[in-house]
Amino acid sequence: MLTLLQISNSSAIYSFPWLEQGGLLAIAIALGFFLYFVVFSTLKSFFRRSSNEIGILTVNILQTPLLILVVIIALKVLTYSLGVLENLPFIQRLLTAGIVAVITYLIDRLFTQVIAYSLSKYAEKTEADWDDVLIPLIKNTLPILVYLIGGFLFL
């Protein structure tokens, strides 16, 4: 923190942009908790009442990564708008890489859990033999492709 204060303009520490951006960070944190508690609990209860297993699975998968994503994006916007880390671009790159990593993980979980689950439910209803080959192929190759693309974007 001391290094951060030495790098930034000391007169800007006590001015209104810091107060304004701190308020924006507080709003982002409040929005994240609202999203986490109210929206997800409402969606879970709705999907439980309608007996929608795929909806419950999707909400359970999205819950934690979306909260982490909101916090990382709020930190990135805050540091960019304040100009605090102009001399430390590594932190901006690290936050961007964190966003890419969380999105990659989220897409992987959605593809491997939700789509594979819905395809396996569909395969139980049909008598075709290609279902038995296609579903394990999708379950095994799709995460590799998602992490390869995410790894390239991460770098």
N, C-alpha and C. Protein backbone atom coordinates (compact mmCIF):
# COMPACT_ATOMS: atom_id res chain seq x y z
N MET A 1 0.83 -1.18 0.00
CA MET A 1 0.00 0.00 0.00
C MET A 1 0.87 1.24 0.00
N LEU A 2 2.00 1.19 0.71
CA LEU A 2 2.88 2.34 0.77
C LEU A 2 3.45 2.64 -0.61
N THR A 3 3.82 1.61 -1.34
CA THR A 3 4.32 1.80 -2.70
C THR A 3 3.25 2.42 -3.58
N LEU A 4 2.04 2.00 -3.42
CA LEU A 4 0.93 2.54 -4.20
C LEU A 4 0.74 4.02 -3.90
N LEU A 5 0.84 4.40 -2.64
CA LEU A 5 0.68 5.81 -2.28
C LEU A 5 1.86 6.64 -2.76
N GLN A 6 3.05 6.07 -2.80
CA GLN A 6 4.21 6.81 -3.28
C GLN A 6 4.14 7.03 -4.78
N ILE A 7 3.58 6.06 -5.50
CA ILE A 7 3.50 6.17 -6.95
C ILE A 7 2.42 7.16 -7.36
N SER A 8 1.28 7.12 -6.68
CA SER A 8 0.17 7.99 -7.07
C SER A 8 0.43 9.42 -6.62
N ASN A 9 -0.28 10.33 -7.21
CA ASN A 9 -0.17 11.74 -6.87
C ASN A 9 -0.78 11.95 -5.49
N SER A 10 0.01 12.46 -4.55
CA SER A 10 -0.45 12.55 -3.17
C SER A 10 -1.58 13.55 -3.01
N SER A 11 -1.67 14.57 -3.86
CA SER A 11 -2.78 15.52 -3.74
C SER A 11 -4.09 14.91 -4.19
N ALA A 12 -4.02 13.89 -5.04
CA ALA A 12 -5.24 13.25 -5.53
C ALA A 12 -5.83 12.28 -4.51
N ILE A 13 -5.05 11.96 -3.48
CA ILE A 13 -5.52 11.00 -2.49
C ILE A 13 -6.70 11.57 -1.71
N TYR A 14 -6.67 12.86 -1.44
CA TYR A 14 -7.70 13.47 -0.62
C TYR A 14 -8.77 14.19 -1.44
N SER A 15 -8.76 14.01 -2.74
CA SER A 15 -9.75 14.70 -3.57
C SER A 15 -10.96 13.82 -3.82
N PHE A 16 -11.91 14.36 -4.53
CA PHE A 16 -13.19 13.69 -4.75
C PHE A 16 -13.15 12.46 -5.64
N PRO A 17 -12.24 12.32 -6.61
CA PRO A 17 -12.28 11.08 -7.41
C PRO A 17 -12.13 9.82 -6.57
N TRP A 18 -11.32 9.88 -5.53
CA TRP A 18 -11.17 8.70 -4.68
C TRP A 18 -12.48 8.38 -3.96
N LEU A 19 -13.14 9.43 -3.49
CA LEU A 19 -14.40 9.23 -2.80
C LEU A 19 -15.47 8.72 -3.76
N GLU A 20 -15.49 9.29 -4.95
CA GLU A 20 -16.47 8.87 -5.96
C GLU A 20 -16.25 7.42 -6.38
N GLN A 21 -15.00 7.06 -6.62
CA GLN A 21 -14.70 5.70 -7.05
C GLN A 21 -14.92 4.70 -5.91
N GLY A 22 -14.67 5.12 -4.70
CA GLY A 22 -14.97 4.26 -3.56
C GLY A 22 -16.46 3.99 -3.45
N GLY A 23 -17.26 5.01 -3.74
CA GLY A 23 -18.71 4.83 -3.77
C GLY A 23 -19.14 3.87 -4.86
N LEU A 24 -18.49 3.99 -6.03
CA LEU A 24 -18.80 3.07 -7.13
C LEU A 24 -18.42 1.64 -6.77
N LEU A 25 -17.30 1.47 -6.08
CA LEU A 25 -16.91 0.14 -5.64
C LEU A 25 -17.92 -0.42 -4.64
N ALA A 26 -18.39 0.42 -3.73
CA ALA A 26 -19.40 -0.02 -2.77
C ALA A 26 -20.70 -0.42 -3.48
N ILE A 27 -21.07 0.34 -4.51
CA ILE A 27 -22.27 0.00 -5.29
C ILE A 27 -22.07 -1.33 -6.00
N ALA A 28 -20.88 -1.55 -6.57
CA ALA A 28 -20.60 -2.81 -7.26
C ALA A 28 -20.63 -3.99 -6.30
N ILE A 29 -20.10 -3.80 -5.10
CA ILE A 29 -20.13 -4.87 -4.11
C ILE A 29 -21.56 -5.15 -3.67
N ALA A 30 -22.34 -4.09 -3.46
CA ALA A 30 -23.75 -4.28 -3.09
C ALA A 30 -24.52 -4.98 -4.21
N LEU A 31 -24.23 -4.61 -5.46
CA LEU A 31 -24.88 -5.27 -6.59
C LEU A 31 -24.49 -6.74 -6.66
N GLY A 32 -23.23 -7.03 -6.38
CA GLY A 32 -22.78 -8.42 -6.37
C GLY A 32 -23.48 -9.24 -5.31
N PHE A 33 -23.61 -8.69 -4.11
CA PHE A 33 -24.32 -9.42 -3.06
C PHE A 33 -25.81 -9.54 -3.37
N PHE A 34 -26.39 -8.50 -3.98
CA PHE A 34 -27.79 -8.59 -4.40
C PHE A 34 -27.96 -9.71 -5.41
N LEU A 35 -27.05 -9.75 -6.37
CA LEU A 35 -27.09 -10.80 -7.38
C LEU A 35 -26.95 -12.16 -6.73
N TYR A 36 -26.03 -12.26 -5.80
CA TYR A 36 -25.74 -13.54 -5.18
C TYR A 36 -26.91 -14.05 -4.33
N PHE A 37 -27.41 -13.21 -3.47
CA PHE A 37 -28.42 -13.68 -2.52
C PHE A 37 -29.84 -13.64 -3.07
N VAL A 38 -30.25 -12.54 -3.63
CA VAL A 38 -31.65 -12.38 -4.02
C VAL A 38 -31.95 -13.10 -5.32
N VAL A 39 -31.18 -12.80 -6.35
CA VAL A 39 -31.49 -13.36 -7.66
C VAL A 39 -31.30 -14.87 -7.67
N PHE A 40 -30.18 -15.35 -7.16
CA PHE A 40 -29.93 -16.78 -7.21
C PHE A 40 -30.86 -17.57 -6.30
N SER A 41 -31.19 -17.03 -5.13
CA SER A 41 -32.14 -17.76 -4.28
C SER A 41 -33.53 -17.77 -4.90
N THR A 42 -33.92 -16.68 -5.56
CA THR A 42 -35.21 -16.65 -6.24
C THR A 42 -35.23 -17.64 -7.39
N LEU A 43 -34.16 -17.67 -8.17
CA LEU A 43 -34.11 -18.61 -9.29
C LEU A 43 -34.11 -20.06 -8.81
N LYS A 44 -33.39 -20.33 -7.74
CA LYS A 44 -33.37 -21.70 -7.21
C LYS A 44 -34.76 -22.14 -6.76
N SER A 45 -35.45 -21.27 -6.04
CA SER A 45 -36.78 -21.66 -5.58
C SER A 45 -37.75 -21.81 -6.75
N PHE A 46 -37.62 -20.96 -7.77
CA PHE A 46 -38.47 -21.08 -8.95
C PHE A 46 -38.23 -22.40 -9.67
N PHE A 47 -36.96 -22.75 -9.87
CA PHE A 47 -36.65 -23.99 -10.58
C PHE A 47 -37.01 -25.22 -9.75
N ARG A 48 -36.93 -25.12 -8.43
CA ARG A 48 -37.34 -26.26 -7.59
C ARG A 48 -38.84 -26.49 -7.68
N ARG A 49 -39.61 -25.39 -7.70
CA ARG A 49 -41.06 -25.53 -7.80
C ARG A 49 -41.48 -26.09 -9.16
N SER A 50 -40.73 -25.73 -10.20
CA SER A 50 -41.09 -26.21 -11.53
C SER A 50 -40.41 -27.54 -11.88
N SER A 51 -39.64 -28.09 -10.95
CA SER A 51 -38.93 -29.36 -11.14
C SER A 51 -38.04 -29.34 -12.38
N ASN A 52 -37.34 -28.25 -12.56
CA ASN A 52 -36.43 -28.09 -13.70
C ASN A 52 -35.01 -28.37 -13.23
N GLU A 53 -34.53 -29.58 -13.47
CA GLU A 53 -33.20 -29.99 -13.00
C GLU A 53 -32.09 -29.23 -13.70
N ILE A 54 -32.26 -28.96 -14.98
CA ILE A 54 -31.22 -28.25 -15.73
C ILE A 54 -31.10 -26.81 -15.23
N GLY A 55 -32.22 -26.19 -14.89
CA GLY A 55 -32.18 -24.84 -14.35
C GLY A 55 -31.47 -24.77 -13.02
N ILE A 56 -31.75 -25.72 -12.15
CA ILE A 56 -31.09 -25.76 -10.84
C ILE A 56 -29.60 -25.99 -11.01
N LEU A 57 -29.23 -26.88 -11.91
CA LEU A 57 -27.81 -27.15 -12.17
C LEU A 57 -27.12 -25.91 -12.72
N THR A 58 -27.77 -25.20 -13.62
CA THR A 58 -27.19 -23.99 -14.20
C THR A 58 -27.00 -22.91 -13.14
N VAL A 59 -27.98 -22.70 -12.30
CA VAL A 59 -27.88 -21.69 -11.24
C VAL A 59 -26.77 -22.05 -10.27
N ASN A 60 -26.66 -23.32 -9.90
CA ASN A 60 -25.59 -23.74 -8.99
C ASN A 60 -24.21 -23.52 -9.59
N ILE A 61 -24.09 -23.72 -10.90
CA ILE A 61 -22.81 -23.52 -11.56
C ILE A 61 -22.47 -22.04 -11.68
N LEU A 62 -23.46 -21.21 -11.98
CA LEU A 62 -23.21 -19.79 -12.21
C LEU A 62 -22.99 -18.99 -10.94
N GLN A 63 -23.43 -19.48 -9.81
CA GLN A 63 -23.50 -18.69 -8.60
C GLN A 63 -22.16 -18.09 -8.16
N THR A 64 -21.18 -18.88 -7.88
CA THR A 64 -19.91 -18.37 -7.37
C THR A 64 -19.05 -17.69 -8.44
N PRO A 65 -18.89 -18.27 -9.64
CA PRO A 65 -18.06 -17.58 -10.63
C PRO A 65 -18.58 -16.21 -11.04
N LEU A 66 -19.89 -16.02 -11.08
CA LEU A 66 -20.41 -14.70 -11.44
C LEU A 66 -20.12 -13.67 -10.36
N LEU A 67 -20.16 -14.06 -9.10
CA LEU A 67 -19.82 -13.14 -8.03
C LEU A 67 -18.35 -12.76 -8.09
N ILE A 68 -17.49 -13.72 -8.33
CA ILE A 68 -16.06 -13.43 -8.48
C ILE A 68 -15.82 -12.53 -9.68
N LEU A 69 -16.53 -12.78 -10.77
CA LEU A 69 -16.39 -11.97 -11.98
C LEU A 69 -16.81 -10.53 -11.73
N VAL A 70 -17.90 -10.31 -11.01
CA VAL A 70 -18.35 -8.95 -10.70
C VAL A 70 -17.32 -8.22 -9.87
N VAL A 71 -16.72 -8.89 -8.90
CA VAL A 71 -15.72 -8.25 -8.04
C VAL A 71 -14.47 -7.90 -8.84
N ILE A 72 -13.99 -8.80 -9.69
CA ILE A 72 -12.79 -8.53 -10.48
C ILE A 72 -13.04 -7.39 -11.46
N ILE A 73 -14.20 -7.38 -12.10
CA ILE A 73 -14.51 -6.29 -13.04
C ILE A 73 -14.62 -4.97 -12.30
N ALA A 74 -15.21 -4.97 -11.11
CA ALA A 74 -15.30 -3.74 -10.32
C ALA A 74 -13.91 -3.23 -9.95
N LEU A 75 -13.02 -4.12 -9.55
CA LEU A 75 -11.65 -3.71 -9.23
C LEU A 75 -10.93 -3.16 -10.46
N LYS A 76 -11.13 -3.78 -11.60
CA LYS A 76 -10.48 -3.33 -12.83
C LYS A 76 -10.98 -1.95 -13.23
N VAL A 77 -12.28 -1.74 -13.17
CA VAL A 77 -12.84 -0.44 -13.52
C VAL A 77 -12.38 0.62 -12.53
N LEU A 78 -12.34 0.28 -11.27
CA LEU A 78 -11.91 1.23 -10.25
C LEU A 78 -10.45 1.64 -10.44
N THR A 79 -9.57 0.68 -10.64
CA THR A 79 -8.16 1.02 -10.81
C THR A 79 -7.91 1.76 -12.12
N TYR A 80 -8.67 1.44 -13.15
CA TYR A 80 -8.50 2.13 -14.43
C TYR A 80 -9.02 3.57 -14.35
N SER A 81 -10.17 3.77 -13.74
CA SER A 81 -10.75 5.10 -13.71
C SER A 81 -10.00 6.04 -12.78
N LEU A 82 -9.42 5.52 -11.73
CA LEU A 82 -8.63 6.36 -10.84
C LEU A 82 -7.24 6.66 -11.39
N GLY A 83 -6.76 5.81 -12.26
CA GLY A 83 -5.42 6.00 -12.80
C GLY A 83 -4.34 5.71 -11.78
N VAL A 84 -4.67 4.94 -10.77
CA VAL A 84 -3.73 4.65 -9.70
C VAL A 84 -2.59 3.78 -10.20
N LEU A 85 -2.89 2.84 -11.04
CA LEU A 85 -1.90 1.85 -11.45
C LEU A 85 -1.34 2.12 -12.84
N GLU A 86 -1.23 3.40 -13.21
CA GLU A 86 -0.67 3.72 -14.52
C GLU A 86 0.78 3.24 -14.63
N ASN A 87 1.50 3.30 -13.52
CA ASN A 87 2.90 2.87 -13.53
C ASN A 87 3.06 1.38 -13.28
N LEU A 88 1.98 0.71 -12.99
CA LEU A 88 2.01 -0.73 -12.74
C LEU A 88 1.03 -1.45 -13.68
N PRO A 89 1.36 -1.54 -14.96
CA PRO A 89 0.42 -2.19 -15.89
C PRO A 89 0.27 -3.69 -15.65
N PHE A 90 1.19 -4.25 -14.87
CA PHE A 90 1.10 -5.67 -14.56
C PHE A 90 -0.19 -5.99 -13.80
N ILE A 91 -0.61 -5.09 -12.92
CA ILE A 91 -1.83 -5.33 -12.15
C ILE A 91 -3.05 -5.33 -13.08
N GLN A 92 -3.07 -4.40 -14.05
CA GLN A 92 -4.18 -4.37 -15.01
C GLN A 92 -4.21 -5.65 -15.83
N ARG A 93 -3.05 -6.11 -16.26
CA ARG A 93 -2.99 -7.37 -17.01
C ARG A 93 -3.41 -8.55 -16.15
N LEU A 94 -3.03 -8.52 -14.89
CA LEU A 94 -3.41 -9.59 -13.97
C LEU A 94 -4.93 -9.63 -13.76
N LEU A 95 -5.55 -8.46 -13.63
CA LEU A 95 -7.00 -8.42 -13.49
C LEU A 95 -7.70 -8.90 -14.76
N THR A 96 -7.17 -8.50 -15.93
CA THR A 96 -7.74 -8.97 -17.19
C THR A 96 -7.59 -10.48 -17.32
N ALA A 97 -6.43 -11.00 -16.94
CA ALA A 97 -6.22 -12.45 -16.98
C ALA A 97 -7.16 -13.16 -16.01
N GLY A 98 -7.42 -12.55 -14.87
CA GLY A 98 -8.38 -13.14 -13.93
C GLY A 98 -9.78 -13.20 -14.50
N ILE A 99 -10.17 -12.15 -15.21
CA ILE A 99 -11.49 -12.14 -15.86
C ILE A 99 -11.57 -13.25 -16.89
N VAL A 100 -10.53 -13.39 -17.70
CA VAL A 100 -10.51 -14.44 -18.73
C VAL A 100 -10.54 -15.82 -18.08
N ALA A 101 -9.80 -16.00 -17.00
CA ALA A 101 -9.76 -17.30 -16.33
C ALA A 101 -11.12 -17.67 -15.75
N VAL A 102 -11.80 -16.71 -15.13
CA VAL A 102 -13.11 -17.00 -14.55
C VAL A 102 -14.13 -17.31 -15.64
N ILE A 103 -14.10 -16.55 -16.74
CA ILE A 103 -15.03 -16.80 -17.85
C ILE A 103 -14.74 -18.16 -18.48
N THR A 104 -13.46 -18.52 -18.63
CA THR A 104 -13.12 -19.82 -19.18
C THR A 104 -13.63 -20.95 -18.29
N TYR A 105 -13.43 -20.81 -17.00
CA TYR A 105 -13.93 -21.82 -16.06
C TYR A 105 -15.45 -21.92 -16.13
N LEU A 106 -16.11 -20.77 -16.22
CA LEU A 106 -17.57 -20.75 -16.27
C LEU A 106 -18.09 -21.43 -17.53
N ILE A 107 -17.49 -21.14 -18.66
CA ILE A 107 -17.90 -21.77 -19.91
C ILE A 107 -17.64 -23.27 -19.87
N ASP A 108 -16.50 -23.67 -19.31
CA ASP A 108 -16.20 -25.10 -19.19
C ASP A 108 -17.25 -25.81 -18.34
N ARG A 109 -17.56 -25.25 -17.19
CA ARG A 109 -18.56 -25.88 -16.32
C ARG A 109 -19.92 -25.95 -17.00
N LEU A 110 -20.29 -24.87 -17.69
CA LEU A 110 -21.59 -24.88 -18.36
C LEU A 110 -21.64 -25.93 -19.46
N PHE A 111 -20.58 -26.02 -20.25
CA PHE A 111 -20.59 -26.99 -21.34
C PHE A 111 -20.53 -28.42 -20.82
N THR A 112 -19.63 -28.69 -19.89
CA THR A 112 -19.45 -30.07 -19.46
C THR A 112 -20.58 -30.56 -18.57
N GLN A 113 -21.15 -29.69 -17.77
CA GLN A 113 -22.18 -30.14 -16.85
C GLN A 113 -23.59 -30.00 -17.44
N VAL A 114 -23.92 -28.81 -17.90
CA VAL A 114 -25.30 -28.56 -18.33
C VAL A 114 -25.59 -29.20 -19.68
N ILE A 115 -24.74 -28.96 -20.66
CA ILE A 115 -25.01 -29.50 -22.00
C ILE A 115 -24.87 -31.01 -22.00
N ALA A 116 -23.86 -31.53 -21.32
CA ALA A 116 -23.71 -32.98 -21.25
C ALA A 116 -24.88 -33.62 -20.51
N TYR A 117 -25.37 -32.97 -19.49
CA TYR A 117 -26.53 -33.50 -18.75
C TYR A 117 -27.77 -33.51 -19.63
N SER A 118 -27.99 -32.42 -20.36
CA SER A 118 -29.18 -32.38 -21.21
C SER A 118 -29.06 -33.36 -22.37
N LEU A 119 -27.85 -33.54 -22.91
CA LEU A 119 -27.67 -34.53 -23.97
C LEU A 119 -27.85 -35.95 -23.45
N SER A 120 -27.40 -36.22 -22.24
CA SER A 120 -27.58 -37.57 -21.70
C SER A 120 -29.06 -37.86 -21.41
N LYS A 121 -29.80 -36.84 -20.98
CA LYS A 121 -31.25 -37.02 -20.80
C LYS A 121 -31.93 -37.29 -22.14
N TYR A 122 -31.47 -36.60 -23.19
CA TYR A 122 -32.02 -36.82 -24.52
C TYR A 122 -31.65 -38.22 -25.02
N ALA A 123 -30.43 -38.65 -24.73
CA ALA A 123 -29.98 -39.97 -25.20
C ALA A 123 -30.75 -41.10 -24.53
N GLU A 124 -31.20 -40.88 -23.31
CA GLU A 124 -32.00 -41.91 -22.64
C GLU A 124 -33.35 -42.13 -23.33
N LYS A 125 -33.86 -41.08 -23.97
CA LYS A 125 -35.16 -41.17 -24.63
C LYS A 125 -35.07 -41.81 -26.00
N THR A 126 -33.91 -41.73 -26.65
CA THR A 126 -33.78 -42.24 -28.01
C THR A 126 -33.12 -43.61 -27.99
N GLU A 127 -33.26 -44.30 -29.09
CA GLU A 127 -32.67 -45.63 -29.24
C GLU A 127 -31.45 -45.62 -30.15
N ALA A 128 -30.99 -44.45 -30.57
CA ALA A 128 -29.89 -44.38 -31.52
C ALA A 128 -28.57 -44.76 -30.85
N ASP A 129 -27.68 -45.38 -31.64
CA ASP A 129 -26.37 -45.79 -31.13
C ASP A 129 -25.37 -44.65 -31.12
N TRP A 130 -25.58 -43.65 -31.96
CA TRP A 130 -24.60 -42.57 -32.05
C TRP A 130 -24.59 -41.73 -30.78
N ASP A 131 -25.65 -41.76 -29.98
CA ASP A 131 -25.69 -41.03 -28.72
C ASP A 131 -24.63 -41.54 -27.75
N ASP A 132 -24.44 -42.86 -27.75
CA ASP A 132 -23.48 -43.45 -26.82
C ASP A 132 -22.05 -43.08 -27.15
N VAL A 133 -21.79 -42.71 -28.39
CA VAL A 133 -20.45 -42.31 -28.81
C VAL A 133 -20.27 -40.80 -28.73
N LEU A 134 -21.29 -40.06 -29.11
CA LEU A 134 -21.19 -38.61 -29.20
C LEU A 134 -21.08 -37.94 -27.82
N ILE A 135 -21.83 -38.40 -26.86
CA ILE A 135 -21.84 -37.74 -25.55
C ILE A 135 -20.49 -37.87 -24.84
N PRO A 136 -19.85 -39.05 -24.77
CA PRO A 136 -18.51 -39.09 -24.16
C PRO A 136 -17.48 -38.28 -24.95
N LEU A 137 -17.64 -38.24 -26.26
CA LEU A 137 -16.73 -37.44 -27.08
C LEU A 137 -16.86 -35.96 -26.75
N ILE A 138 -18.08 -35.49 -26.60
CA ILE A 138 -18.30 -34.09 -26.24
C ILE A 138 -17.79 -33.81 -24.83
N LYS A 139 -18.06 -34.71 -23.90
CA LYS A 139 -17.63 -34.52 -22.51
C LYS A 139 -16.11 -34.47 -22.39
N ASN A 140 -15.40 -35.19 -23.25
CA ASN A 140 -13.94 -35.25 -23.13
C ASN A 140 -13.22 -34.21 -23.97
N THR A 141 -13.76 -33.83 -25.12
CA THR A 141 -13.03 -32.90 -25.99
C THR A 141 -13.41 -31.45 -25.79
N LEU A 142 -14.63 -31.18 -25.40
CA LEU A 142 -15.06 -29.80 -25.25
C LEU A 142 -14.29 -29.04 -24.17
N PRO A 143 -14.02 -29.62 -23.00
CA PRO A 143 -13.21 -28.89 -22.02
C PRO A 143 -11.80 -28.57 -22.52
N ILE A 144 -11.22 -29.47 -23.29
CA ILE A 144 -9.88 -29.21 -23.83
C ILE A 144 -9.91 -28.01 -24.75
N LEU A 145 -10.91 -27.94 -25.62
CA LEU A 145 -11.03 -26.81 -26.54
C LEU A 145 -11.29 -25.50 -25.79
N VAL A 146 -12.14 -25.55 -24.79
CA VAL A 146 -12.46 -24.35 -24.02
C VAL A 146 -11.22 -23.84 -23.29
N TYR A 147 -10.47 -24.73 -22.66
CA TYR A 147 -9.27 -24.30 -21.94
C TYR A 147 -8.15 -23.87 -22.89
N LEU A 148 -8.07 -24.45 -24.07
CA LEU A 148 -7.09 -23.98 -25.05
C LEU A 148 -7.40 -22.56 -25.49
N ILE A 149 -8.63 -22.29 -25.82
CA ILE A 149 -9.02 -20.93 -26.22
C ILE A 149 -8.85 -19.96 -25.05
N GLY A 150 -9.26 -20.36 -23.86
CA GLY A 150 -9.08 -19.52 -22.69
C GLY A 150 -7.61 -19.29 -22.36
N GLY A 151 -6.78 -20.31 -22.57
CA GLY A 151 -5.34 -20.15 -22.34
C GLY A 151 -4.71 -19.17 -23.31
N PHE A 152 -5.13 -19.21 -24.56
CA PHE A 152 -4.61 -18.24 -25.53
C PHE A 152 -5.06 -16.82 -25.18
N LEU A 153 -6.28 -16.66 -24.74
CA LEU A 153 -6.76 -15.33 -24.35
C LEU A 153 -6.13 -14.88 -23.04
N PHE A 154 -5.80 -15.82 -22.17
CA PHE A 154 -5.17 -15.52 -20.89
C PHE A 154 -3.80 -14.90 -21.09
N LEU A 155 -3.09 -15.41 -22.08
CA LEU A 155 -1.74 -14.91 -22.34
C LEU A 155 -1.83 -13.58 -23.02
